[in-house]
Amino acid sequence: MQKIAILGTGTVGQTFGTRLAGLGHEVMIGTRNVQEKLTAPGKDGAKNGFASWHEKNPTIKLGTFEEAAAFGEMILNVSQGANTLTVLNLAKAKNLDGKILVDISNPLDFSKGMPPGLIPELSNFNSLGEEIQKTFPNAKVVKTLNTMWCGIMVDPALIKGDHVNYICGNDEAAKTTVKTFLKGFGWKDENILDLGDLSAARGTEAVLPVWLRIYGAKKMGAFNFNIVS
């Protein structure tokens, strides 16, 4: 079992937190301001969604991005893509150096509403995964799980049949470690497709516009893609 940091407190972060804690890992989830995250009002004066979730998951630690990154032996980035570099800077490079940083975010641009496009400077001939690696060269960035709904990320058996999860990264040993980590969620070897180095993130991040259109048509996120040949 590992100490795992999750950077991001939204639905994806909560989903990973619950699953990883259930598997026996020590988990710390990171946010900008701990007190604000716990006390911000929810609807009609009720507790906000995160505070309610955290109350039900008392073994999961909560800290700042910096504290979480220092805690984690492996770090999961599930922050919004447009904010990711800011979040990682708050986490501090010294806390990322030498560690595996699993990037699950996507560079979505919501400036023109829904559905979002991709941030121009982080797409086509670049990617968010590559930009993270350039900015934090001593981190071992591995891109994976970013092409599906978060429920399937942590439990691929939620949907029937074979379906694929892509992985890419520049460090082969780090990818091997992450593949083992993915198997803990139930991913089979044959359904984890290694696309090579981090430049492949240009392709996997570009899946999101298609995924979002399918989500809009089906009105649900419990689906994934497979490769048939």
C-alpha atoms as a PDB file:
ATOM      1  CA  MET A   1       0.000   0.000   0.000  1.00  0.00           C
ATOM      2  CA  GLN A   2       1.144   3.536  -0.732  1.00  0.00           C
ATOM      3  CA  LYS A   3       0.752   7.097   0.412  1.00  0.00           C
ATOM      4  CA  ILE A   4      -1.154   8.735  -2.433  1.00  0.00           C
ATOM      5  CA  ALA A   5      -1.813  12.433  -2.947  1.00  0.00           C
ATOM      6  CA  ILE A   6      -4.820  13.597  -4.944  1.00  0.00           C
ATOM      7  CA  LEU A   7      -4.683  17.166  -6.236  1.00  0.00           C
ATOM      8  CA  GLY A   8      -8.277  18.288  -6.750  1.00  0.00           C
ATOM      9  CA  THR A   9     -11.388  17.990  -4.589  1.00  0.00           C
ATOM     10  CA  GLY A  10     -14.139  17.713  -7.197  1.00  0.00           C
ATOM     11  CA  THR A  11     -16.122  14.631  -8.160  1.00  0.00           C
ATOM     12  CA  VAL A  12     -13.100  12.953  -9.751  1.00  0.00           C
ATOM     13  CA  GLY A  13     -10.910  13.564  -6.711  1.00  0.00           C
ATOM     14  CA  GLN A  14     -13.603  12.291  -4.368  1.00  0.00           C
ATOM     15  CA  THR A  15     -14.128   9.190  -6.511  1.00  0.00           C
ATOM     16  CA  PHE A  16     -10.425   8.359  -6.432  1.00  0.00           C
ATOM     17  CA  GLY A  17     -10.194   9.114  -2.724  1.00  0.00           C
ATOM     18  CA  THR A  18     -13.012   6.770  -1.762  1.00  0.00           C
ATOM     19  CA  ARG A  19     -11.756   3.950  -3.975  1.00  0.00           C
ATOM     20  CA  LEU A  20      -8.106   4.222  -2.964  1.00  0.00           C
ATOM     21  CA  ALA A  21      -8.934   4.374   0.737  1.00  0.00           C
ATOM     22  CA  GLY A  22     -11.140   1.320   0.249  1.00  0.00           C
ATOM     23  CA  LEU A  23      -8.170  -0.500  -1.277  1.00  0.00           C
ATOM     24  CA  GLY A  24      -6.108   0.251   1.819  1.00  0.00           C
ATOM     25  CA  HIS A  25      -3.957   3.146   0.608  1.00  0.00           C
ATOM     26  CA  GLU A  26      -3.195   6.178   2.762  1.00  0.00           C
ATOM     27  CA  VAL A  27      -4.751   9.141   0.968  1.00  0.00           C
ATOM     28  CA  MET A  28      -4.407  12.889   1.278  1.00  0.00           C
ATOM     29  CA  ILE A  29      -6.471  15.150  -0.941  1.00  0.00           C
ATOM     30  CA  GLY A  30      -5.152  18.625  -1.702  1.00  0.00           C
ATOM     31  CA  THR A  31      -6.950  21.952  -2.044  1.00  0.00           C
ATOM     32  CA  ARG A  32      -6.017  25.646  -2.074  1.00  0.00           C
ATOM     33  CA  ASN A  33      -7.522  26.525   1.311  1.00  0.00           C
ATOM     34  CA  VAL A  34      -8.522  23.770   3.715  1.00  0.00           C
ATOM     35  CA  GLN A  35     -10.750  25.878   5.956  1.00  0.00           C
ATOM     36  CA  GLU A  36     -12.631  27.436   3.052  1.00  0.00           C
ATOM     37  CA  LYS A  37     -13.134  24.032   1.446  1.00  0.00           C
ATOM     38  CA  LEU A  38     -14.717  22.643   4.614  1.00  0.00           C
ATOM     39  CA  THR A  39     -16.828  25.665   5.566  1.00  0.00           C
ATOM     40  CA  ALA A  40     -18.053  27.110   2.257  1.00  0.00           C
ATOM     41  CA  PRO A  41     -21.875  27.079   2.372  1.00  0.00           C
ATOM     42  CA  GLY A  42     -23.823  24.627   0.269  1.00  0.00           C
ATOM     43  CA  LYS A  43     -27.358  24.984  -1.057  1.00  0.00           C
ATOM     44  CA  ASP A  44     -29.972  26.332   1.359  1.00  0.00           C
ATOM     45  CA  GLY A  45     -27.454  26.536   4.197  1.00  0.00           C
ATOM     46  CA  ALA A  46     -26.574  22.839   4.082  1.00  0.00           C
ATOM     47  CA  LYS A  47     -22.997  21.591   4.111  1.00  0.00           C
ATOM     48  CA  ASN A  48     -21.258  21.823   0.778  1.00  0.00           C
ATOM     49  CA  GLY A  49     -20.791  18.633  -1.196  1.00  0.00           C
ATOM     50  CA  PHE A  50     -17.126  18.207  -0.381  1.00  0.00           C
ATOM     51  CA  ALA A  51     -17.597  18.738   3.363  1.00  0.00           C
ATOM     52  CA  SER A  52     -20.374  16.131   3.410  1.00  0.00           C
ATOM     53  CA  TRP A  53     -18.195  13.676   1.484  1.00  0.00           C
ATOM     54  CA  HIS A  54     -15.200  14.268   3.747  1.00  0.00           C
ATOM     55  CA  GLU A  55     -17.317  13.686   6.850  1.00  0.00           C
ATOM     56  CA  LYS A  56     -18.240  10.262   5.462  1.00  0.00           C
ATOM     57  CA  ASN A  57     -14.580   9.490   4.664  1.00  0.00           C
ATOM     58  CA  PRO A  58     -12.729  10.491   7.842  1.00  0.00           C
ATOM     59  CA  THR A  59      -9.623   8.411   7.105  1.00  0.00           C
ATOM     60  CA  ILE A  60      -8.823  10.572   4.065  1.00  0.00           C
ATOM     61  CA  LYS A  61      -6.570  13.443   5.057  1.00  0.00           C
ATOM     62  CA  LEU A  62      -7.139  16.963   3.744  1.00  0.00           C
ATOM     63  CA  GLY A  63      -4.331  19.455   3.227  1.00  0.00           C
ATOM     64  CA  THR A  64      -3.087  22.180   0.959  1.00  0.00           C
ATOM     65  CA  PHE A  65      -1.740  21.252  -2.457  1.00  0.00           C
ATOM     66  CA  GLU A  66       1.769  21.628  -1.037  1.00  0.00           C
ATOM     67  CA  GLU A  67       1.052  19.435   1.984  1.00  0.00           C
ATOM     68  CA  ALA A  68      -0.592  16.750  -0.139  1.00  0.00           C
ATOM     69  CA  ALA A  69       2.257  16.671  -2.656  1.00  0.00           C
ATOM     70  CA  ALA A  70       4.815  16.388   0.159  1.00  0.00           C
ATOM     71  CA  PHE A  71       2.786  13.523   1.681  1.00  0.00           C
ATOM     72  CA  GLY A  72       2.319  11.475  -1.473  1.00  0.00           C
ATOM     73  CA  GLU A  73       4.667   8.787  -2.726  1.00  0.00           C
ATOM     74  CA  MET A  74       2.566   8.913  -5.897  1.00  0.00           C
ATOM     75  CA  ILE A  75       0.622  12.005  -6.943  1.00  0.00           C
ATOM     76  CA  LEU A  76      -2.615  12.065  -8.947  1.00  0.00           C
ATOM     77  CA  ASN A  77      -3.515  15.284 -10.735  1.00  0.00           C
ATOM     78  CA  VAL A  78      -7.285  15.544 -11.152  1.00  0.00           C
ATOM     79  CA  SER A  79      -7.479  19.340 -11.142  1.00  0.00           C
ATOM     80  CA  GLN A  80      -9.215  21.206 -13.968  1.00  0.00           C
ATOM     81  CA  GLY A  81      -6.859  21.326 -16.922  1.00  0.00           C
ATOM     82  CA  ALA A  82      -6.930  25.112 -17.217  1.00  0.00           C
ATOM     83  CA  ASN A  83      -5.768  25.346 -13.585  1.00  0.00           C
ATOM     84  CA  THR A  84      -3.345  22.427 -13.529  1.00  0.00           C
ATOM     85  CA  LEU A  85      -0.060  24.322 -13.879  1.00  0.00           C
ATOM     86  CA  THR A  86      -1.154  26.760 -11.163  1.00  0.00           C
ATOM     87  CA  VAL A  87      -2.087  23.860  -8.886  1.00  0.00           C
ATOM     88  CA  LEU A  88       1.227  22.102  -9.483  1.00  0.00           C
ATOM     89  CA  ASN A  89       3.162  25.301  -8.825  1.00  0.00           C
ATOM     90  CA  LEU A  90       1.298  25.601  -5.514  1.00  0.00           C
ATOM     91  CA  ALA A  91       2.256  21.978  -4.812  1.00  0.00           C
ATOM     92  CA  LYS A  92       5.931  23.021  -5.287  1.00  0.00           C
ATOM     93  CA  ALA A  93       8.421  21.398  -7.632  1.00  0.00           C
ATOM     94  CA  LYS A  94      10.486  20.067  -4.710  1.00  0.00           C
ATOM     95  CA  ASN A  95       7.507  17.888  -3.709  1.00  0.00           C
ATOM     96  CA  LEU A  96       7.134  16.509  -7.243  1.00  0.00           C
ATOM     97  CA  ASP A  97      10.801  15.796  -7.951  1.00  0.00           C
ATOM     98  CA  GLY A  98      11.523  12.120  -8.472  1.00  0.00           C
ATOM     99  CA  LYS A  99       7.892  11.107  -7.942  1.00  0.00           C
ATOM    100  CA  ILE A 100       5.379   9.597 -10.332  1.00  0.00           C
ATOM    101  CA  LEU A 101       2.799  12.222 -11.264  1.00  0.00           C
ATOM    102  CA  VAL A 102      -0.246  10.572 -12.818  1.00  0.00           C
ATOM    103  CA  ASP A 103      -1.962  13.204 -14.946  1.00  0.00           C
ATOM    104  CA  ILE A 104      -5.682  12.533 -15.421  1.00  0.00           C
ATOM    105  CA  SER A 105      -6.658  16.089 -16.387  1.00  0.00           C
ATOM    106  CA  ASN A 106      -7.643  17.484 -19.781  1.00  0.00           C
ATOM    107  CA  PRO A 107      -6.989  20.967 -21.232  1.00  0.00           C
ATOM    108  CA  LEU A 108     -10.638  21.902 -21.659  1.00  0.00           C
ATOM    109  CA  ASP A 109     -11.562  25.446 -22.691  1.00  0.00           C
ATOM    110  CA  PHE A 110     -14.964  26.544 -21.346  1.00  0.00           C
ATOM    111  CA  SER A 111     -14.630  30.161 -22.534  1.00  0.00           C
ATOM    112  CA  LYS A 112     -17.354  29.701 -25.147  1.00  0.00           C
ATOM    113  CA  GLY A 113     -19.636  27.603 -22.955  1.00  0.00           C
ATOM    114  CA  MET A 114     -20.632  23.983 -23.420  1.00  0.00           C
ATOM    115  CA  PRO A 115     -19.450  21.760 -24.870  1.00  0.00           C
ATOM    116  CA  PRO A 116     -15.879  22.932 -24.295  1.00  0.00           C
ATOM    117  CA  GLY A 117     -13.068  22.810 -26.812  1.00  0.00           C
ATOM    118  CA  LEU A 118      -9.365  22.334 -26.126  1.00  0.00           C
ATOM    119  CA  ILE A 119      -7.070  25.139 -24.976  1.00  0.00           C
ATOM    120  CA  PRO A 120      -5.263  26.079 -28.221  1.00  0.00           C
ATOM    121  CA  GLU A 121      -1.743  26.304 -26.786  1.00  0.00           C
ATOM    122  CA  LEU A 122      -2.170  22.903 -25.118  1.00  0.00           C
ATOM    123  CA  SER A 123      -3.487  20.964 -28.109  1.00  0.00           C
ATOM    124  CA  ASN A 124      -2.624  19.891 -31.632  1.00  0.00           C
ATOM    125  CA  PHE A 125       1.196  20.197 -31.511  1.00  0.00           C
ATOM    126  CA  ASN A 126       1.352  20.235 -27.716  1.00  0.00           C
ATOM    127  CA  SER A 127      -0.549  18.702 -24.803  1.00  0.00           C
ATOM    128  CA  LEU A 128      -1.152  19.366 -21.143  1.00  0.00           C
ATOM    129  CA  GLY A 129       0.776  16.232 -20.242  1.00  0.00           C
ATOM    130  CA  GLU A 130       3.825  17.450 -22.158  1.00  0.00           C
ATOM    131  CA  GLU A 131       3.544  20.939 -20.696  1.00  0.00           C
ATOM    132  CA  ILE A 132       3.535  19.496 -17.178  1.00  0.00           C
ATOM    133  CA  GLN A 133       6.672  17.500 -17.966  1.00  0.00           C
ATOM    134  CA  LYS A 134       8.424  20.563 -19.430  1.00  0.00           C
ATOM    135  CA  THR A 135       7.495  22.673 -16.404  1.00  0.00           C
ATOM    136  CA  PHE A 136       8.467  20.004 -13.861  1.00  0.00           C
ATOM    137  CA  PRO A 137      11.275  18.095 -15.587  1.00  0.00           C
ATOM    138  CA  ASN A 138      12.194  16.035 -12.520  1.00  0.00           C
ATOM    139  CA  ALA A 139       8.686  14.628 -12.082  1.00  0.00           C
ATOM    140  CA  LYS A 140       7.842  11.344 -13.801  1.00  0.00           C
ATOM    141  CA  VAL A 141       4.656  12.285 -15.648  1.00  0.00           C
ATOM    142  CA  VAL A 142       2.389   9.455 -16.794  1.00  0.00           C
ATOM    143  CA  LYS A 143      -0.839  10.261 -18.646  1.00  0.00           C
ATOM    144  CA  THR A 144      -3.709   7.806 -18.246  1.00  0.00           C
ATOM    145  CA  LEU A 145      -7.432   7.420 -17.412  1.00  0.00           C
ATOM    146  CA  ASN A 146      -8.315  10.792 -18.982  1.00  0.00           C
ATOM    147  CA  THR A 147     -10.656   9.479 -21.684  1.00  0.00           C
ATOM    148  CA  MET A 148     -13.581   8.217 -19.600  1.00  0.00           C
ATOM    149  CA  TRP A 149     -16.008   8.941 -16.760  1.00  0.00           C
ATOM    150  CA  CYS A 150     -14.438   8.789 -13.301  1.00  0.00           C
ATOM    151  CA  GLY A 151     -16.580   5.860 -12.144  1.00  0.00           C
ATOM    152  CA  ILE A 152     -15.036   3.667 -14.836  1.00  0.00           C
ATOM    153  CA  MET A 153     -11.528   4.976 -14.119  1.00  0.00           C
ATOM    154  CA  VAL A 154     -11.554   3.314 -10.702  1.00  0.00           C
ATOM    155  CA  ASP A 155     -13.829   0.350 -11.533  1.00  0.00           C
ATOM    156  CA  PRO A 156     -13.684  -0.776 -15.182  1.00  0.00           C
ATOM    157  CA  ALA A 157     -16.082  -3.648 -14.423  1.00  0.00           C
ATOM    158  CA  LEU A 158     -18.927  -1.114 -14.145  1.00  0.00           C
ATOM    159  CA  ILE A 159     -19.515  -1.640 -17.855  1.00  0.00           C
ATOM    160  CA  LYS A 160     -19.584  -4.949 -19.701  1.00  0.00           C
ATOM    161  CA  GLY A 161     -17.017  -6.272 -22.115  1.00  0.00           C
ATOM    162  CA  ASP A 162     -13.538  -5.150 -23.032  1.00  0.00           C
ATOM    163  CA  HIS A 163     -12.729  -1.465 -23.257  1.00  0.00           C
ATOM    164  CA  VAL A 164      -9.448   0.371 -23.460  1.00  0.00           C
ATOM    165  CA  ASN A 165      -7.438   2.669 -21.221  1.00  0.00           C
ATOM    166  CA  TYR A 166      -4.505   4.498 -22.792  1.00  0.00           C
ATOM    167  CA  ILE A 167      -1.219   5.216 -21.060  1.00  0.00           C
ATOM    168  CA  CYS A 168       1.793   7.241 -22.150  1.00  0.00           C
ATOM    169  CA  GLY A 169       4.907   8.712 -20.568  1.00  0.00           C
ATOM    170  CA  ASN A 170       8.607   9.258 -21.111  1.00  0.00           C
ATOM    171  CA  ASP A 171       9.782   7.091 -18.193  1.00  0.00           C
ATOM    172  CA  GLU A 172       9.328   3.380 -18.893  1.00  0.00           C
ATOM    173  CA  ALA A 173       9.785   2.315 -15.271  1.00  0.00           C
ATOM    174  CA  ALA A 174       7.180   4.854 -14.143  1.00  0.00           C
ATOM    175  CA  LYS A 175       4.709   3.525 -16.717  1.00  0.00           C
ATOM    176  CA  THR A 176       5.294  -0.024 -15.481  1.00  0.00           C
ATOM    177  CA  THR A 177       4.562   1.095 -11.916  1.00  0.00           C
ATOM    178  CA  VAL A 178       1.382   2.882 -13.013  1.00  0.00           C
ATOM    179  CA  LYS A 179       0.202  -0.164 -14.965  1.00  0.00           C
ATOM    180  CA  THR A 180       0.475  -2.188 -11.746  1.00  0.00           C
ATOM    181  CA  PHE A 181      -1.408   0.576  -9.925  1.00  0.00           C
ATOM    182  CA  LEU A 182      -4.178   0.422 -12.555  1.00  0.00           C
ATOM    183  CA  LYS A 183      -4.534  -3.330 -12.062  1.00  0.00           C
ATOM    184  CA  GLY A 184      -5.480  -2.571  -8.466  1.00  0.00           C
ATOM    185  CA  PHE A 185      -8.636  -0.937  -9.840  1.00  0.00           C
ATOM    186  CA  GLY A 186      -9.365  -4.007 -11.964  1.00  0.00           C
ATOM    187  CA  TRP A 187      -7.806  -2.987 -15.279  1.00  0.00           C
ATOM    188  CA  LYS A 188      -6.555  -5.997 -17.240  1.00  0.00           C
ATOM    189  CA  ASP A 189      -3.178  -6.002 -18.985  1.00  0.00           C
ATOM    190  CA  GLU A 190      -4.815  -6.519 -22.356  1.00  0.00           C
ATOM    191  CA  ASN A 191      -7.021  -3.457 -21.888  1.00  0.00           C
ATOM    192  CA  ILE A 192      -4.166  -1.069 -21.020  1.00  0.00           C
ATOM    193  CA  LEU A 193      -2.755   0.261 -24.300  1.00  0.00           C
ATOM    194  CA  ASP A 194       0.713   1.825 -24.083  1.00  0.00           C
ATOM    195  CA  LEU A 195       0.973   4.559 -26.714  1.00  0.00           C
ATOM    196  CA  GLY A 196       4.606   5.424 -26.062  1.00  0.00           C
ATOM    197  CA  ASP A 197       6.020   8.745 -24.924  1.00  0.00           C
ATOM    198  CA  LEU A 198       4.124  11.787 -23.662  1.00  0.00           C
ATOM    199  CA  SER A 199       3.581  13.209 -27.135  1.00  0.00           C
ATOM    200  CA  ALA A 200       0.769  10.630 -27.338  1.00  0.00           C
ATOM    201  CA  ALA A 201      -1.137  12.778 -24.831  1.00  0.00           C
ATOM    202  CA  ARG A 202      -1.931  15.051 -27.794  1.00  0.00           C
ATOM    203  CA  GLY A 203      -4.125  12.234 -29.046  1.00  0.00           C
ATOM    204  CA  THR A 204      -5.668  11.049 -25.796  1.00  0.00           C
ATOM    205  CA  GLU A 205      -6.558  14.576 -24.680  1.00  0.00           C
ATOM    206  CA  ALA A 206      -8.183  15.123 -28.080  1.00  0.00           C
ATOM    207  CA  VAL A 207     -10.586  12.249 -27.321  1.00  0.00           C
ATOM    208  CA  LEU A 208     -12.474  14.510 -24.910  1.00  0.00           C
ATOM    209  CA  PRO A 209     -14.429  16.566 -27.470  1.00  0.00           C
ATOM    210  CA  VAL A 210     -15.730  13.299 -28.953  1.00  0.00           C
ATOM    211  CA  TRP A 211     -16.450  11.857 -25.486  1.00  0.00           C
ATOM    212  CA  LEU A 212     -18.426  14.959 -24.521  1.00  0.00           C
ATOM    213  CA  ARG A 213     -20.573  14.778 -27.672  1.00  0.00           C
ATOM    214  CA  ILE A 214     -21.388  11.134 -26.957  1.00  0.00           C
ATOM    215  CA  TYR A 215     -22.163  12.021 -23.345  1.00  0.00           C
ATOM    216  CA  GLY A 216     -24.545  14.706 -24.596  1.00  0.00           C
ATOM    217  CA  ALA A 217     -26.266  12.257 -26.940  1.00  0.00           C
ATOM    218  CA  LYS A 218     -26.555   9.390 -24.439  1.00  0.00           C
ATOM    219  CA  LYS A 219     -27.211  11.568 -21.350  1.00  0.00           C
ATOM    220  CA  MET A 220     -24.921   9.334 -19.295  1.00  0.00           C
ATOM    221  CA  GLY A 221     -21.210   8.751 -18.815  1.00  0.00           C
ATOM    222  CA  ALA A 222     -21.058   4.996 -18.226  1.00  0.00           C
ATOM    223  CA  PHE A 223     -19.475   4.108 -21.566  1.00  0.00           C
ATOM    224  CA  ASN A 224     -15.981   3.730 -22.965  1.00  0.00           C
ATOM    225  CA  PHE A 225     -14.166   2.975 -26.204  1.00  0.00           C
ATOM    226  CA  ASN A 226     -12.627  -0.243 -27.492  1.00  0.00           C
ATOM    227  CA  ILE A 227     -10.367  -1.047 -30.436  1.00  0.00           C
ATOM    228  CA  VAL A 228     -11.544  -3.731 -32.837  1.00  0.00           C
ATOM    229  CA  SER A 229      -9.268  -5.142 -35.515  1.00  0.00           C
END
